[in-house]
mmCIF file of all heavy atoms, coordinates in Angstrom:
data_MODEL
# 
_entry.id   MODEL 
# 
loop_
_atom_site.group_PDB 
_atom_site.id 
_atom_site.type_symbol 
_atom_site.label_atom_id 
_atom_site.label_alt_id 
_atom_site.label_comp_id 
_atom_site.label_asym_id 
_atom_site.label_entity_id 
_atom_site.label_seq_id 
_atom_site.pdbx_PDB_ins_code 
_atom_site.Cartn_x 
_atom_site.Cartn_y 
_atom_site.Cartn_z 
_atom_site.occupancy 
_atom_site.B_iso_or_equiv 
_atom_site.pdbx_formal_charge 
_atom_site.auth_seq_id 
_atom_site.auth_comp_id 
_atom_site.auth_asym_id 
_atom_site.auth_atom_id 
_atom_site.pdbx_PDB_model_num 
ATOM 1   N N   . ARG A 1 1  ? 41.630 45.474 63.723 1.00 0.00 ? 1  ARG A N   1 
ATOM 2   C CA  . ARG A 1 1  ? 42.036 46.062 65.008 1.00 0.00 ? 1  ARG A CA  1 
ATOM 3   C C   . ARG A 1 1  ? 43.482 46.572 65.006 1.00 0.00 ? 1  ARG A C   1 
ATOM 4   O O   . ARG A 1 1  ? 44.009 46.911 66.063 1.00 0.00 ? 1  ARG A O   1 
ATOM 5   C CB  . ARG A 1 1  ? 41.852 45.040 66.128 1.00 0.00 ? 1  ARG A CB  1 
ATOM 6   C CG  . ARG A 1 1  ? 40.388 44.738 66.432 1.00 0.00 ? 1  ARG A CG  1 
ATOM 7   C CD  . ARG A 1 1  ? 40.259 43.656 67.466 1.00 0.00 ? 1  ARG A CD  1 
ATOM 8   N NE  . ARG A 1 1  ? 38.857 43.427 67.830 1.00 0.00 ? 1  ARG A NE  1 
ATOM 9   C CZ  . ARG A 1 1  ? 38.408 42.336 68.441 1.00 0.00 ? 1  ARG A CZ  1 
ATOM 10  N NH1 . ARG A 1 1  ? 39.262 41.365 68.766 1.00 0.00 ? 1  ARG A NH1 1 
ATOM 11  N NH2 . ARG A 1 1  ? 37.134 42.205 68.725 1.00 0.00 ? 1  ARG A NH2 1 
ATOM 12  N N   . THR A 1 2  ? 44.090 46.607 63.852 1.00 0.00 ? 2  THR A N   1 
ATOM 13  C CA  . THR A 1 2  ? 45.451 47.141 63.769 1.00 0.00 ? 2  THR A CA  1 
ATOM 14  C C   . THR A 1 2  ? 45.438 48.626 64.091 1.00 0.00 ? 2  THR A C   1 
ATOM 15  O O   . THR A 1 2  ? 44.709 49.398 63.472 1.00 0.00 ? 2  THR A O   1 
ATOM 16  C CB  . THR A 1 2  ? 46.050 46.924 62.367 1.00 0.00 ? 2  THR A CB  1 
ATOM 17  O OG1 . THR A 1 2  ? 46.102 45.518 62.101 1.00 0.00 ? 2  THR A OG1 1 
ATOM 18  C CG2 . THR A 1 2  ? 47.452 47.487 62.283 1.00 0.00 ? 2  THR A CG2 1 
ATOM 19  N N   . ILE A 1 3  ? 46.243 49.022 65.072 1.00 0.00 ? 3  ILE A N   1 
ATOM 20  C CA  . ILE A 1 3  ? 46.318 50.428 65.476 1.00 0.00 ? 3  ILE A CA  1 
ATOM 21  C C   . ILE A 1 3  ? 47.260 51.196 64.567 1.00 0.00 ? 3  ILE A C   1 
ATOM 22  O O   . ILE A 1 3  ? 46.995 52.326 64.169 1.00 0.00 ? 3  ILE A O   1 
ATOM 23  C CB  . ILE A 1 3  ? 46.782 50.530 66.950 1.00 0.00 ? 3  ILE A CB  1 
ATOM 24  C CG1 . ILE A 1 3  ? 45.768 49.852 67.870 1.00 0.00 ? 3  ILE A CG1 1 
ATOM 25  C CG2 . ILE A 1 3  ? 46.983 51.988 67.352 1.00 0.00 ? 3  ILE A CG2 1 
ATOM 26  C CD1 . ILE A 1 3  ? 46.221 49.768 69.314 1.00 0.00 ? 3  ILE A CD1 1 
ATOM 27  N N   . VAL A 1 4  ? 48.384 50.577 64.220 1.00 0.00 ? 4  VAL A N   1 
ATOM 28  C CA  . VAL A 1 4  ? 49.403 51.219 63.392 1.00 0.00 ? 4  VAL A CA  1 
ATOM 29  C C   . VAL A 1 4  ? 49.167 50.815 61.941 1.00 0.00 ? 4  VAL A C   1 
ATOM 30  O O   . VAL A 1 4  ? 49.485 49.702 61.543 1.00 0.00 ? 4  VAL A O   1 
ATOM 31  C CB  . VAL A 1 4  ? 50.819 50.805 63.838 1.00 0.00 ? 4  VAL A CB  1 
ATOM 32  C CG1 . VAL A 1 4  ? 51.875 51.480 62.980 1.00 0.00 ? 4  VAL A CG1 1 
ATOM 33  C CG2 . VAL A 1 4  ? 51.024 51.144 65.306 1.00 0.00 ? 4  VAL A CG2 1 
ATOM 34  N N   . GLU A 1 5  ? 48.600 51.693 61.145 1.00 0.00 ? 5  GLU A N   1 
ATOM 35  C CA  . GLU A 1 5  ? 48.306 51.379 59.757 1.00 0.00 ? 5  GLU A CA  1 
ATOM 36  C C   . GLU A 1 5  ? 49.325 51.980 58.794 1.00 0.00 ? 5  GLU A C   1 
ATOM 37  O O   . GLU A 1 5  ? 49.443 51.524 57.656 1.00 0.00 ? 5  GLU A O   1 
ATOM 38  C CB  . GLU A 1 5  ? 46.902 51.856 59.386 1.00 0.00 ? 5  GLU A CB  1 
ATOM 39  C CG  . GLU A 1 5  ? 45.798 51.099 60.132 1.00 0.00 ? 5  GLU A CG  1 
ATOM 40  C CD  . GLU A 1 5  ? 44.439 51.336 59.538 1.00 0.00 ? 5  GLU A CD  1 
ATOM 41  O OE1 . GLU A 1 5  ? 44.365 51.954 58.457 1.00 0.00 ? 5  GLU A OE1 1 
ATOM 42  O OE2 . GLU A 1 5  ? 43.442 50.920 60.153 1.00 0.00 ? 5  GLU A OE2 1 
ATOM 43  N N   . ARG A 1 6  ? 50.052 53.011 59.228 1.00 0.00 ? 6  ARG A N   1 
ATOM 44  C CA  . ARG A 1 6  ? 51.066 53.623 58.375 1.00 0.00 ? 6  ARG A CA  1 
ATOM 45  C C   . ARG A 1 6  ? 52.431 53.090 58.790 1.00 0.00 ? 6  ARG A C   1 
ATOM 46  O O   . ARG A 1 6  ? 52.936 53.401 59.872 1.00 0.00 ? 6  ARG A O   1 
ATOM 47  C CB  . ARG A 1 6  ? 51.020 55.139 58.475 1.00 0.00 ? 6  ARG A CB  1 
ATOM 48  C CG  . ARG A 1 6  ? 49.704 55.746 57.985 1.00 0.00 ? 6  ARG A CG  1 
ATOM 49  C CD  . ARG A 1 6  ? 49.753 57.251 57.991 1.00 0.00 ? 6  ARG A CD  1 
ATOM 50  N NE  . ARG A 1 6  ? 50.764 57.755 57.066 1.00 0.00 ? 6  ARG A NE  1 
ATOM 51  C CZ  . ARG A 1 6  ? 51.062 59.048 56.927 1.00 0.00 ? 6  ARG A CZ  1 
ATOM 52  N NH1 . ARG A 1 6  ? 50.439 59.952 57.682 1.00 0.00 ? 6  ARG A NH1 1 
ATOM 53  N NH2 . ARG A 1 6  ? 51.990 59.436 56.065 1.00 0.00 ? 6  ARG A NH2 1 
ATOM 54  N N   . VAL A 1 7  ? 52.992 52.266 57.942 1.00 0.00 ? 7  VAL A N   1 
ATOM 55  C CA  . VAL A 1 7  ? 54.273 51.626 58.234 1.00 0.00 ? 7  VAL A CA  1 
ATOM 56  C C   . VAL A 1 7  ? 55.363 52.305 57.415 1.00 0.00 ? 7  VAL A C   1 
ATOM 57  O O   . VAL A 1 7  ? 55.251 52.431 56.203 1.00 0.00 ? 7  VAL A O   1 
ATOM 58  C CB  . VAL A 1 7  ? 54.219 50.120 57.884 1.00 0.00 ? 7  VAL A CB  1 
ATOM 59  C CG1 . VAL A 1 7  ? 55.560 49.465 58.168 1.00 0.00 ? 7  VAL A CG1 1 
ATOM 60  C CG2 . VAL A 1 7  ? 53.104 49.440 58.671 1.00 0.00 ? 7  VAL A CG2 1 
ATOM 61  N N   . LYS A 1 8  ? 56.407 52.768 58.084 1.00 0.00 ? 8  LYS A N   1 
ATOM 62  C CA  . LYS A 1 8  ? 57.522 53.418 57.413 1.00 0.00 ? 8  LYS A CA  1 
ATOM 63  C C   . LYS A 1 8  ? 58.488 52.353 56.900 1.00 0.00 ? 8  LYS A C   1 
ATOM 64  O O   . LYS A 1 8  ? 59.338 51.842 57.639 1.00 0.00 ? 8  LYS A O   1 
ATOM 65  C CB  . LYS A 1 8  ? 58.226 54.392 58.360 1.00 0.00 ? 8  LYS A CB  1 
ATOM 66  C CG  . LYS A 1 8  ? 57.339 55.565 58.780 1.00 0.00 ? 8  LYS A CG  1 
ATOM 67  C CD  . LYS A 1 8  ? 58.089 56.526 59.683 1.00 0.00 ? 8  LYS A CD  1 
ATOM 68  C CE  . LYS A 1 8  ? 57.221 57.720 60.078 1.00 0.00 ? 8  LYS A CE  1 
ATOM 69  N NZ  . LYS A 1 8  ? 57.938 58.658 60.981 1.00 0.00 ? 8  LYS A NZ  1 
ATOM 70  N N   . GLN A 1 9  ? 58.333 52.001 55.625 1.00 0.00 ? 9  GLN A N   1 
ATOM 71  C CA  . GLN A 1 9  ? 59.109 50.917 55.040 1.00 0.00 ? 9  GLN A CA  1 
ATOM 72  C C   . GLN A 1 9  ? 60.610 51.177 55.071 1.00 0.00 ? 9  GLN A C   1 
ATOM 73  O O   . GLN A 1 9  ? 61.407 50.257 55.280 1.00 0.00 ? 9  GLN A O   1 
ATOM 74  C CB  . GLN A 1 9  ? 58.657 50.664 53.603 1.00 0.00 ? 9  GLN A CB  1 
ATOM 75  C CG  . GLN A 1 9  ? 57.213 50.168 53.463 1.00 0.00 ? 9  GLN A CG  1 
ATOM 76  C CD  . GLN A 1 9  ? 57.019 48.765 54.005 1.00 0.00 ? 9  GLN A CD  1 
ATOM 77  O OE1 . GLN A 1 9  ? 56.759 48.602 55.202 1.00 0.00 ? 9  GLN A OE1 1 
ATOM 78  N NE2 . GLN A 1 9  ? 57.145 47.777 53.157 1.00 0.00 ? 9  GLN A NE2 1 
ATOM 79  N N   . GLU A 1 10 ? 61.018 52.434 54.880 1.00 0.00 ? 10 GLU A N   1 
ATOM 80  C CA  . GLU A 1 10 ? 62.453 52.742 54.882 1.00 0.00 ? 10 GLU A CA  1 
ATOM 81  C C   . GLU A 1 10 ? 63.072 52.451 56.243 1.00 0.00 ? 10 GLU A C   1 
ATOM 82  O O   . GLU A 1 10 ? 64.194 51.944 56.327 1.00 0.00 ? 10 GLU A O   1 
ATOM 83  C CB  . GLU A 1 10 ? 62.686 54.199 54.496 1.00 0.00 ? 10 GLU A CB  1 
ATOM 84  C CG  . GLU A 1 10 ? 62.415 54.497 53.024 1.00 0.00 ? 10 GLU A CG  1 
ATOM 85  C CD  . GLU A 1 10 ? 62.786 55.917 52.646 1.00 0.00 ? 10 GLU A CD  1 
ATOM 86  O OE1 . GLU A 1 10 ? 63.357 56.625 53.498 1.00 0.00 ? 10 GLU A OE1 1 
ATOM 87  O OE2 . GLU A 1 10 ? 62.517 56.323 51.500 1.00 0.00 ? 10 GLU A OE2 1 
ATOM 88  N N   . ARG A 1 11 ? 62.345 52.775 57.306 1.00 0.00 ? 11 ARG A N   1 
ATOM 89  C CA  . ARG A 1 11 ? 62.871 52.518 58.652 1.00 0.00 ? 11 ARG A CA  1 
ATOM 90  C C   . ARG A 1 11 ? 62.952 51.018 58.910 1.00 0.00 ? 11 ARG A C   1 
ATOM 91  O O   . ARG A 1 11 ? 63.933 50.526 59.488 1.00 0.00 ? 11 ARG A O   1 
ATOM 92  C CB  . ARG A 1 11 ? 61.988 53.198 59.698 1.00 0.00 ? 11 ARG A CB  1 
ATOM 93  C CG  . ARG A 1 11 ? 62.537 53.072 61.113 1.00 0.00 ? 11 ARG A CG  1 
ATOM 94  C CD  . ARG A 1 11 ? 61.742 53.931 62.084 1.00 0.00 ? 11 ARG A CD  1 
ATOM 95  N NE  . ARG A 1 11 ? 60.351 53.544 62.144 1.00 0.00 ? 11 ARG A NE  1 
ATOM 96  C CZ  . ARG A 1 11 ? 59.897 52.514 62.876 1.00 0.00 ? 11 ARG A CZ  1 
ATOM 97  N NH1 . ARG A 1 11 ? 60.743 51.792 63.593 1.00 0.00 ? 11 ARG A NH1 1 
ATOM 98  N NH2 . ARG A 1 11 ? 58.623 52.215 62.892 1.00 0.00 ? 11 ARG A NH2 1 
ATOM 99  N N   . LEU A 1 12 ? 61.927 50.265 58.467 1.00 0.00 ? 12 LEU A N   1 
ATOM 100 C CA  . LEU A 1 12 ? 61.961 48.818 58.656 1.00 0.00 ? 12 LEU A CA  1 
ATOM 101 C C   . LEU A 1 12 ? 63.085 48.192 57.834 1.00 0.00 ? 12 LEU A C   1 
ATOM 102 O O   . LEU A 1 12 ? 63.749 47.260 58.296 1.00 0.00 ? 12 LEU A O   1 
ATOM 103 C CB  . LEU A 1 12 ? 60.621 48.201 58.265 1.00 0.00 ? 12 LEU A CB  1 
ATOM 104 C CG  . LEU A 1 12 ? 59.401 48.639 59.087 1.00 0.00 ? 12 LEU A CG  1 
ATOM 105 C CD1 . LEU A 1 12 ? 58.199 47.784 58.738 1.00 0.00 ? 12 LEU A CD1 1 
ATOM 106 C CD2 . LEU A 1 12 ? 59.682 48.588 60.579 1.00 0.00 ? 12 LEU A CD2 1 
ATOM 107 N N   . ALA A 1 13 ? 63.309 48.701 56.629 1.00 0.00 ? 13 ALA A N   1 
ATOM 108 C CA  . ALA A 1 13 ? 64.401 48.187 55.802 1.00 0.00 ? 13 ALA A CA  1 
ATOM 109 C C   . ALA A 1 13 ? 65.747 48.422 56.484 1.00 0.00 ? 13 ALA A C   1 
ATOM 110 O O   . ALA A 1 13 ? 66.639 47.562 56.431 1.00 0.00 ? 13 ALA A O   1 
ATOM 111 C CB  . ALA A 1 13 ? 64.371 48.849 54.430 1.00 0.00 ? 13 ALA A CB  1 
ATOM 112 N N   . ALA A 1 14 ? 65.898 49.576 57.127 1.00 0.00 ? 14 ALA A N   1 
ATOM 113 C CA  . ALA A 1 14 ? 67.143 49.861 57.849 1.00 0.00 ? 14 ALA A CA  1 
ATOM 114 C C   . ALA A 1 14 ? 67.316 48.913 59.030 1.00 0.00 ? 14 ALA A C   1 
ATOM 115 O O   . ALA A 1 14 ? 68.437 48.468 59.330 1.00 0.00 ? 14 ALA A O   1 
ATOM 116 C CB  . ALA A 1 14 ? 67.153 51.311 58.320 1.00 0.00 ? 14 ALA A CB  1 
ATOM 117 N N   . GLN A 1 15 ? 66.207 48.579 59.695 1.00 0.00 ? 15 GLN A N   1 
ATOM 118 C CA  . GLN A 1 15 ? 66.258 47.618 60.805 1.00 0.00 ? 15 GLN A CA  1 
ATOM 119 C C   . GLN A 1 15 ? 66.700 46.244 60.305 1.00 0.00 ? 15 GLN A C   1 
ATOM 120 O O   . GLN A 1 15 ? 67.475 45.541 60.964 1.00 0.00 ? 15 GLN A O   1 
ATOM 121 C CB  . GLN A 1 15 ? 64.886 47.514 61.468 1.00 0.00 ? 15 GLN A CB  1 
ATOM 122 C CG  . GLN A 1 15 ? 64.438 48.751 62.221 1.00 0.00 ? 15 GLN A CG  1 
ATOM 123 C CD  . GLN A 1 15 ? 65.166 48.909 63.546 1.00 0.00 ? 15 GLN A CD  1 
ATOM 124 O OE1 . GLN A 1 15 ? 65.772 47.969 64.058 1.00 0.00 ? 15 GLN A OE1 1 
ATOM 125 N NE2 . GLN A 1 15 ? 65.115 50.101 64.094 1.00 0.00 ? 15 GLN A NE2 1 
ATOM 126 N N   . ILE A 1 16 ? 66.213 45.850 59.140 1.00 0.00 ? 16 ILE A N   1 
ATOM 127 C CA  . ILE A 1 16 ? 66.593 44.565 58.563 1.00 0.00 ? 16 ILE A CA  1 
ATOM 128 C C   . ILE A 1 16 ? 68.095 44.527 58.284 1.00 0.00 ? 16 ILE A C   1 
ATOM 129 O O   . ILE A 1 16 ? 68.779 43.552 58.628 1.00 0.00 ? 16 ILE A O   1 
ATOM 130 C CB  . ILE A 1 16 ? 65.798 44.320 57.266 1.00 0.00 ? 16 ILE A CB  1 
ATOM 131 C CG1 . ILE A 1 16 ? 64.345 43.980 57.593 1.00 0.00 ? 16 ILE A CG1 1 
ATOM 132 C CG2 . ILE A 1 16 ? 66.437 43.218 56.426 1.00 0.00 ? 16 ILE A CG2 1 
ATOM 133 C CD1 . ILE A 1 16 ? 63.447 43.901 56.379 1.00 0.00 ? 16 ILE A CD1 1 
ATOM 134 N N   . VAL A 1 17 ? 68.611 45.570 57.667 1.00 0.00 ? 17 VAL A N   1 
ATOM 135 C CA  . VAL A 1 17 ? 70.038 45.619 57.347 1.00 0.00 ? 17 VAL A CA  1 
ATOM 136 C C   . VAL A 1 17 ? 70.877 45.532 58.616 1.00 0.00 ? 17 VAL A C   1 
ATOM 137 O O   . VAL A 1 17 ? 71.840 44.757 58.697 1.00 0.00 ? 17 VAL A O   1 
ATOM 138 C CB  . VAL A 1 17 ? 70.374 46.899 56.557 1.00 0.00 ? 17 VAL A CB  1 
ATOM 139 C CG1 . VAL A 1 17 ? 71.887 47.114 56.493 1.00 0.00 ? 17 VAL A CG1 1 
ATOM 140 C CG2 . VAL A 1 17 ? 69.789 46.827 55.155 1.00 0.00 ? 17 VAL A CG2 1 
ATOM 141 N N   . GLU A 1 18 ? 70.515 46.314 59.610 1.00 0.00 ? 18 GLU A N   1 
ATOM 142 C CA  . GLU A 1 18 ? 71.283 46.311 60.863 1.00 0.00 ? 18 GLU A CA  1 
ATOM 143 C C   . GLU A 1 18 ? 71.266 44.933 61.519 1.00 0.00 ? 18 GLU A C   1 
ATOM 144 O O   . GLU A 1 18 ? 72.287 44.446 62.014 1.00 0.00 ? 18 GLU A O   1 
ATOM 145 C CB  . GLU A 1 18 ? 70.723 47.359 61.821 1.00 0.00 ? 18 GLU A CB  1 
ATOM 146 C CG  . GLU A 1 18 ? 71.526 47.490 63.103 1.00 0.00 ? 18 GLU A CG  1 
ATOM 147 C CD  . GLU A 1 18 ? 71.041 48.618 63.979 1.00 0.00 ? 18 GLU A CD  1 
ATOM 148 O OE1 . GLU A 1 18 ? 70.337 49.522 63.488 1.00 0.00 ? 18 GLU A OE1 1 
ATOM 149 O OE2 . GLU A 1 18 ? 71.364 48.607 65.192 1.00 0.00 ? 18 GLU A OE2 1 
ATOM 150 N N   . ALA A 1 19 ? 70.090 44.278 61.506 1.00 0.00 ? 19 ALA A N   1 
ATOM 151 C CA  . ALA A 1 19 ? 69.999 42.951 62.108 1.00 0.00 ? 19 ALA A CA  1 
ATOM 152 C C   . ALA A 1 19 ? 70.848 41.945 61.340 1.00 0.00 ? 19 ALA A C   1 
ATOM 153 O O   . ALA A 1 19 ? 71.508 41.088 61.945 1.00 0.00 ? 19 ALA A O   1 
ATOM 154 C CB  . ALA A 1 19 ? 68.547 42.492 62.151 1.00 0.00 ? 19 ALA A CB  1 
ATOM 155 N N   . CYS A 1 20 ? 70.855 42.025 60.015 1.00 0.00 ? 20 CYS A N   1 
ATOM 156 C CA  . CYS A 1 20 ? 71.677 41.116 59.204 1.00 0.00 ? 20 CYS A CA  1 
ATOM 157 C C   . CYS A 1 20 ? 73.161 41.345 59.468 1.00 0.00 ? 20 CYS A C   1 
ATOM 158 O O   . CYS A 1 20 ? 73.949 40.393 59.531 1.00 0.00 ? 20 CYS A O   1 
ATOM 159 C CB  . CYS A 1 20 ? 71.373 41.301 57.728 1.00 0.00 ? 20 CYS A CB  1 
ATOM 160 S SG  . CYS A 1 20 ? 69.808 40.587 57.185 1.00 0.00 ? 20 CYS A SG  1 
ATOM 161 N N   . GLU A 1 21 ? 73.553 42.599 59.598 1.00 0.00 ? 21 GLU A N   1 
ATOM 162 C CA  . GLU A 1 21 ? 74.957 42.909 59.891 1.00 0.00 ? 21 GLU A CA  1 
ATOM 163 C C   . GLU A 1 21 ? 75.383 42.299 61.215 1.00 0.00 ? 21 GLU A C   1 
ATOM 164 O O   . GLU A 1 21 ? 76.503 41.786 61.351 1.00 0.00 ? 21 GLU A O   1 
ATOM 165 C CB  . GLU A 1 21 ? 75.157 44.420 59.912 1.00 0.00 ? 21 GLU A CB  1 
ATOM 166 C CG  . GLU A 1 21 ? 75.046 45.070 58.542 1.00 0.00 ? 21 GLU A CG  1 
ATOM 167 C CD  . GLU A 1 21 ? 75.079 46.592 58.597 1.00 0.00 ? 21 GLU A CD  1 
ATOM 168 O OE1 . GLU A 1 21 ? 74.891 47.163 59.705 1.00 0.00 ? 21 GLU A OE1 1 
ATOM 169 O OE2 . GLU A 1 21 ? 75.280 47.215 57.545 1.00 0.00 ? 21 GLU A OE2 1 
ATOM 170 N N   . GLN A 1 22 ? 74.492 42.324 62.201 1.00 0.00 ? 22 GLN A N   1 
ATOM 171 C CA  . GLN A 1 22 ? 74.843 41.855 63.534 1.00 0.00 ? 22 GLN A CA  1 
ATOM 172 C C   . GLN A 1 22 ? 74.822 40.335 63.652 1.00 0.00 ? 22 GLN A C   1 
ATOM 173 O O   . GLN A 1 22 ? 75.647 39.747 64.346 1.00 0.00 ? 22 GLN A O   1 
ATOM 174 C CB  . GLN A 1 22 ? 73.872 42.458 64.564 1.00 0.00 ? 22 GLN A CB  1 
ATOM 175 C CG  . GLN A 1 22 ? 74.005 43.953 64.747 1.00 0.00 ? 22 GLN A CG  1 
ATOM 176 C CD  . GLN A 1 22 ? 75.351 44.345 65.334 1.00 0.00 ? 22 GLN A CD  1 
ATOM 177 O OE1 . GLN A 1 22 ? 75.890 43.660 66.202 1.00 0.00 ? 22 GLN A OE1 1 
ATOM 178 N NE2 . GLN A 1 22 ? 75.905 45.445 64.862 1.00 0.00 ? 22 GLN A NE2 1 
ATOM 179 N N   . CYS A 1 23 ? 73.874 39.682 62.972 1.00 0.00 ? 23 CYS A N   1 
ATOM 180 C CA  . CYS A 1 23 ? 73.691 38.241 63.200 1.00 0.00 ? 23 CYS A CA  1 
ATOM 181 C C   . CYS A 1 23 ? 74.432 37.368 62.196 1.00 0.00 ? 23 CYS A C   1 
ATOM 182 O O   . CYS A 1 23 ? 74.430 36.139 62.322 1.00 0.00 ? 23 CYS A O   1 
ATOM 183 C CB  . CYS A 1 23 ? 72.210 37.883 63.207 1.00 0.00 ? 23 CYS A CB  1 
ATOM 184 S SG  . CYS A 1 23 ? 71.414 37.831 61.579 1.00 0.00 ? 23 CYS A SG  1 
ATOM 185 N N   . GLY A 1 24 ? 75.044 37.964 61.177 1.00 0.00 ? 24 GLY A N   1 
ATOM 186 C CA  . GLY A 1 24 ? 75.818 37.191 60.231 1.00 0.00 ? 24 GLY A CA  1 
ATOM 187 C C   . GLY A 1 24 ? 75.058 36.719 59.011 1.00 0.00 ? 24 GLY A C   1 
ATOM 188 O O   . GLY A 1 24 ? 75.595 35.939 58.220 1.00 0.00 ? 24 GLY A O   1 
# 
């Protein structure tokens, strides 16, 4: 039942970096 099957890994990787920068 997953609606979103195409995941943009580069965008998620950028989200990870930004979150790490902010949370320490």
